[in-house]
């Protein structure tokens, strides 16, 4: 598809068309293969956009992490000990920074290790879900953050009924409202919703440029020919759109979970780690 699309980029077809006609023509011939709206926003597509120009760790590092996890799963005592030594402090510290208190952070990490080494019931160990598609640290932090979001939301649903000296009803006879069911993937849903809202608020042509550059690997020079713009204007448009998307995403996350403290780097790491978690 990429080669056939590249053939459409000659000046006879796109070179001097105004922006609206260039984008309309592209949509009429390519929308069938690239749906508009939220359907194209998968973790793979938004990672390719949002992680740019963030540095990406090498695959060899992931292979090392995967080999290390296989040692842990093989019940190698030294590897299991190293896993906890390497990540215990990091996990607790990051959870504290993201909104957990000390007790919550320590309890969540303790539960995480339990699920890694001695899962309840007939469940497989948590580490079997790690497939080496991201750094092990990012994966563990994503799992822990997902559990933190779930914990905080369950806490917010609880209703405490204070005793009233004016009421004859015994305190223990009072009933709190039942807790609302929570999603098994609260973090995934939170990230997805924030990303979709952020992209929906951007200029349609700017989003189309992002798709062409990051999903179809077109150069900014080719984009400038399609829109009839100077290459520098295309560059500015792409950069401003990325910045706007990032700003709106963080604001949307804060709107839904005001307690959650995330930097842009944290958000990018969570997106990268989500492919193996969910």
Foldseek 3Di string as FASTA:
>chain_A
DLVVVVVCLDLVRFQPDAQVVLVVVCCVVPCVPQPDALPNDDLVLVLLQLCVPPDADDLVQLVVQLVLLVCVVVVPPVSLVVVCVVPVVVQLVVLVLFFDDNVLSNVLVVVLSCLQRPNPDPDDRLSVLDDSLGHPNLQVNLVSVQVVVVVVLQVVQWDQDDDDPVDPDDRVPDDTDDGDDDDPRVPVVLQSVLLSVQVVPDDPSLVVLSCCCRVSVDDLVSVCSNNVHDSVVNVVSNVVSSVSSLVSSVVSSCVVPVSTDDDSVSSSSSSSNVVSND
